[in-house]
N, C-alpha and C. Protein backbone atom coordinates (compact mmCIF):
# COMPACT_ATOMS: atom_id res chain seq x y z
N MET A 1 166.03 125.85 153.90
CA MET A 1 165.91 124.64 153.13
C MET A 1 166.20 123.45 154.04
N LEU A 2 165.39 122.44 153.92
CA LEU A 2 165.52 121.25 154.75
C LEU A 2 166.50 120.29 154.11
N ASN A 3 167.49 119.87 154.86
CA ASN A 3 168.50 118.95 154.36
C ASN A 3 168.43 117.68 155.20
N ARG A 4 168.01 116.59 154.58
CA ARG A 4 167.88 115.33 155.31
C ARG A 4 169.08 114.44 155.02
N THR A 5 169.59 113.81 156.09
CA THR A 5 170.73 112.92 155.96
C THR A 5 170.44 111.66 156.73
N GLN A 6 170.74 110.52 156.15
CA GLN A 6 170.56 109.25 156.83
C GLN A 6 171.88 108.86 157.47
N VAL A 7 171.82 108.52 158.76
CA VAL A 7 173.02 108.15 159.50
C VAL A 7 172.91 106.67 159.86
N MET A 8 173.94 105.90 159.47
CA MET A 8 173.96 104.48 159.79
C MET A 8 174.76 104.28 161.08
N LEU A 9 174.13 103.70 162.09
CA LEU A 9 174.77 103.50 163.38
C LEU A 9 174.77 102.02 163.73
N ASP A 10 175.81 101.58 164.42
CA ASP A 10 175.78 100.20 164.91
C ASP A 10 174.90 100.14 166.16
N GLU A 11 174.54 98.97 166.58
CA GLU A 11 173.55 98.81 167.67
C GLU A 11 174.04 99.41 168.98
N GLN A 12 175.30 99.19 169.33
CA GLN A 12 175.81 99.70 170.61
C GLN A 12 175.78 101.23 170.63
N LEU A 13 176.21 101.85 169.55
CA LEU A 13 176.18 103.31 169.48
C LEU A 13 174.75 103.83 169.51
N LYS A 14 173.86 103.13 168.81
CA LYS A 14 172.46 103.54 168.80
C LYS A 14 171.86 103.47 170.20
N ASN A 15 172.16 102.39 170.92
CA ASN A 15 171.64 102.26 172.29
C ASN A 15 172.21 103.33 173.21
N ASN A 16 173.50 103.63 173.07
CA ASN A 16 174.10 104.69 173.89
C ASN A 16 173.48 106.05 173.59
N LEU A 17 173.23 106.31 172.32
CA LEU A 17 172.60 107.59 171.97
C LEU A 17 171.17 107.67 172.49
N GLN A 18 170.47 106.54 172.48
CA GLN A 18 169.11 106.52 173.04
C GLN A 18 169.14 106.81 174.54
N LEU A 19 170.14 106.26 175.23
CA LEU A 19 170.27 106.54 176.66
C LEU A 19 170.55 108.01 176.91
N ILE A 20 171.41 108.59 176.10
CA ILE A 20 171.71 110.02 176.23
C ILE A 20 170.44 110.83 176.00
N ALA A 21 169.65 110.45 174.99
CA ALA A 21 168.42 111.16 174.70
C ALA A 21 167.44 111.06 175.86
N ILE A 22 167.34 109.89 176.47
CA ILE A 22 166.42 109.71 177.59
C ILE A 22 166.86 110.54 178.79
N VAL A 23 168.17 110.51 179.08
CA VAL A 23 168.69 111.26 180.23
C VAL A 23 168.51 112.76 180.04
N LYS A 24 168.80 113.25 178.83
CA LYS A 24 168.65 114.68 178.57
C LYS A 24 167.20 115.09 178.33
N GLY A 25 166.34 114.13 178.00
CA GLY A 25 164.94 114.45 177.74
C GLY A 25 164.72 115.09 176.38
N ILE A 26 165.54 114.70 175.39
CA ILE A 26 165.41 115.24 174.04
C ILE A 26 165.25 114.09 173.06
N SER A 27 164.90 114.42 171.83
CA SER A 27 164.68 113.39 170.82
C SER A 27 166.00 112.89 170.24
N MET A 28 165.93 111.74 169.56
CA MET A 28 167.13 111.17 168.94
C MET A 28 167.68 112.10 167.86
N SER A 29 166.80 112.74 167.10
CA SER A 29 167.28 113.63 166.05
C SER A 29 168.03 114.82 166.64
N GLN A 30 167.59 115.29 167.80
CA GLN A 30 168.30 116.39 168.46
C GLN A 30 169.66 115.92 168.97
N VAL A 31 169.73 114.70 169.46
CA VAL A 31 171.02 114.15 169.90
C VAL A 31 171.98 114.06 168.72
N ILE A 32 171.48 113.61 167.58
CA ILE A 32 172.32 113.51 166.38
C ILE A 32 172.82 114.90 165.98
N ARG A 33 171.94 115.89 166.00
CA ARG A 33 172.34 117.25 165.63
C ARG A 33 173.38 117.81 166.59
N GLU A 34 173.23 117.53 167.88
CA GLU A 34 174.16 118.09 168.86
C GLU A 34 175.50 117.37 168.89
N LEU A 35 175.49 116.05 168.73
CA LEU A 35 176.72 115.29 168.91
C LEU A 35 177.43 114.92 167.62
N LEU A 36 176.70 114.39 166.67
CA LEU A 36 177.35 113.82 165.49
C LEU A 36 177.60 114.83 164.38
N THR A 37 176.77 115.85 164.26
CA THR A 37 176.97 116.84 163.19
C THR A 37 178.28 117.58 163.33
N PRO A 38 178.65 118.08 164.51
CA PRO A 38 179.96 118.75 164.63
C PRO A 38 181.13 117.80 164.33
N ILE A 39 181.01 116.54 164.72
CA ILE A 39 182.07 115.57 164.44
C ILE A 39 182.19 115.35 162.94
N ALA A 40 181.06 115.22 162.25
CA ALA A 40 181.09 115.01 160.80
C ALA A 40 181.66 116.22 160.08
N GLU A 41 181.33 117.42 160.52
CA GLU A 41 181.86 118.64 159.91
C GLU A 41 183.37 118.73 160.10
N LYS A 42 183.84 118.35 161.29
CA LYS A 42 185.27 118.39 161.57
C LYS A 42 186.00 117.36 160.70
N GLU A 43 185.42 116.18 160.51
CA GLU A 43 186.04 115.15 159.68
C GLU A 43 186.07 115.56 158.21
N SER A 44 185.00 116.21 157.74
CA SER A 44 184.97 116.61 156.34
C SER A 44 185.98 117.70 156.04
N LYS A 45 186.33 118.51 157.03
CA LYS A 45 187.33 119.56 156.82
C LYS A 45 188.74 118.98 156.77
N LYS A 46 188.95 117.81 157.36
CA LYS A 46 190.28 117.21 157.36
C LYS A 46 190.69 116.75 155.97
N THR A 47 189.76 116.22 155.22
CA THR A 47 190.09 115.72 153.89
C THR A 47 189.32 116.54 152.86
N PRO A 48 189.93 117.58 152.34
CA PRO A 48 189.23 118.40 151.34
C PRO A 48 189.03 117.62 150.05
N ASN A 49 188.02 118.00 149.32
CA ASN A 49 187.71 117.35 148.06
C ASN A 49 188.78 117.72 147.03
N LYS A 50 189.49 116.73 146.52
CA LYS A 50 190.58 116.99 145.59
C LYS A 50 190.08 117.21 144.17
N ASP A 51 188.81 116.99 143.93
CA ASP A 51 188.28 117.15 142.59
C ASP A 51 187.80 118.56 142.30
N THR A 52 187.87 119.44 143.28
CA THR A 52 187.42 120.81 143.05
C THR A 52 188.37 121.51 142.11
N LEU A 53 187.82 122.27 141.23
CA LEU A 53 188.61 122.97 140.23
C LEU A 53 188.47 124.47 140.48
N THR A 54 189.53 125.08 140.96
CA THR A 54 189.49 126.51 141.21
C THR A 54 189.57 127.25 139.88
N ALA A 55 189.26 128.52 139.93
CA ALA A 55 189.28 129.32 138.70
C ALA A 55 190.69 129.37 138.12
N ARG A 56 191.67 129.48 138.98
CA ARG A 56 193.07 129.54 138.51
C ARG A 56 193.45 128.25 137.78
N LYS A 57 193.10 127.10 138.39
CA LYS A 57 193.40 125.81 137.75
C LYS A 57 192.63 125.66 136.45
N PHE A 58 191.40 126.16 136.43
CA PHE A 58 190.59 126.06 135.22
C PHE A 58 191.23 126.81 134.07
N PHE A 59 191.65 128.06 134.32
CA PHE A 59 192.26 128.84 133.24
C PHE A 59 193.62 128.28 132.84
N ASP A 60 194.34 127.73 133.80
CA ASP A 60 195.62 127.09 133.45
C ASP A 60 195.37 125.88 132.56
N ARG A 61 194.34 125.12 132.85
CA ARG A 61 194.02 123.95 132.04
C ARG A 61 193.59 124.35 130.63
N ILE A 62 192.79 125.40 130.54
CA ILE A 62 192.35 125.87 129.23
C ILE A 62 193.55 126.34 128.41
N GLY A 63 194.47 127.07 129.05
CA GLY A 63 195.63 127.59 128.35
C GLY A 63 196.56 126.51 127.85
N THR A 64 196.67 125.42 128.58
CA THR A 64 197.59 124.36 128.15
C THR A 64 196.95 123.46 127.10
N HIS A 65 195.65 123.47 126.99
CA HIS A 65 194.97 122.62 126.01
C HIS A 65 194.27 123.45 124.94
N ALA A 66 194.87 124.54 124.59
CA ALA A 66 194.25 125.42 123.60
C ALA A 66 194.32 124.77 122.22
N VAL A 67 193.32 125.07 121.42
CA VAL A 67 193.30 124.56 120.04
C VAL A 67 193.65 125.70 119.09
N SER A 68 194.20 125.34 117.97
CA SER A 68 194.57 126.37 117.01
C SER A 68 193.33 126.91 116.32
N GLY A 69 193.43 128.10 115.83
CA GLY A 69 192.31 128.73 115.15
C GLY A 69 192.18 128.24 113.72
N PRO A 70 191.37 128.92 112.93
CA PRO A 70 191.16 128.47 111.55
C PRO A 70 192.47 128.54 110.75
N GLY A 71 192.67 127.51 109.97
CA GLY A 71 193.88 127.45 109.15
C GLY A 71 193.56 127.68 107.69
N ASP A 72 194.34 127.09 106.83
CA ASP A 72 194.13 127.32 105.40
C ASP A 72 193.72 126.05 104.66
N ASN A 73 193.22 125.04 105.38
CA ASN A 73 192.77 123.86 104.64
C ASN A 73 191.34 124.07 104.14
N ASP A 74 190.84 123.14 103.36
CA ASP A 74 189.53 123.31 102.72
C ASP A 74 188.39 123.36 103.73
N TYR A 75 188.47 122.54 104.80
CA TYR A 75 187.39 122.55 105.78
C TYR A 75 187.31 123.91 106.47
N ASP A 76 188.43 124.46 106.86
CA ASP A 76 188.43 125.75 107.54
C ASP A 76 187.90 126.86 106.64
N LYS A 77 188.21 126.79 105.38
CA LYS A 77 187.69 127.81 104.46
C LYS A 77 186.17 127.74 104.36
N TYR A 78 185.64 126.51 104.41
CA TYR A 78 184.19 126.32 104.35
C TYR A 78 183.54 126.71 105.68
N ALA A 79 184.12 126.23 106.79
CA ALA A 79 183.50 126.41 108.11
C ALA A 79 183.56 127.86 108.58
N TYR A 80 184.64 128.55 108.30
CA TYR A 80 184.83 129.89 108.82
C TYR A 80 184.65 130.99 107.78
N ASP A 81 184.19 130.64 106.59
CA ASP A 81 183.98 131.61 105.50
C ASP A 81 185.23 132.44 105.22
N LEU A 82 186.34 131.74 105.07
CA LEU A 82 187.60 132.45 104.78
C LEU A 82 187.75 132.71 103.31
């Protein structure tokens, strides 16, 4: 699967990367893959996503916010055929 990512670079960094590409004889996209992708992966591992919900946390959340079952009021008798 092809995954496209847009990278915003300042002019000085862009010019330096172009020089590296010319010296190595490779394209700019190859320079980005070789140099910047490992740096980005390393940075993303430093700050894990705090919004991820593991299965353990999910079940703990469900258990603490449980709702009561059918009771003996008129709505419950109608809704649950009690």
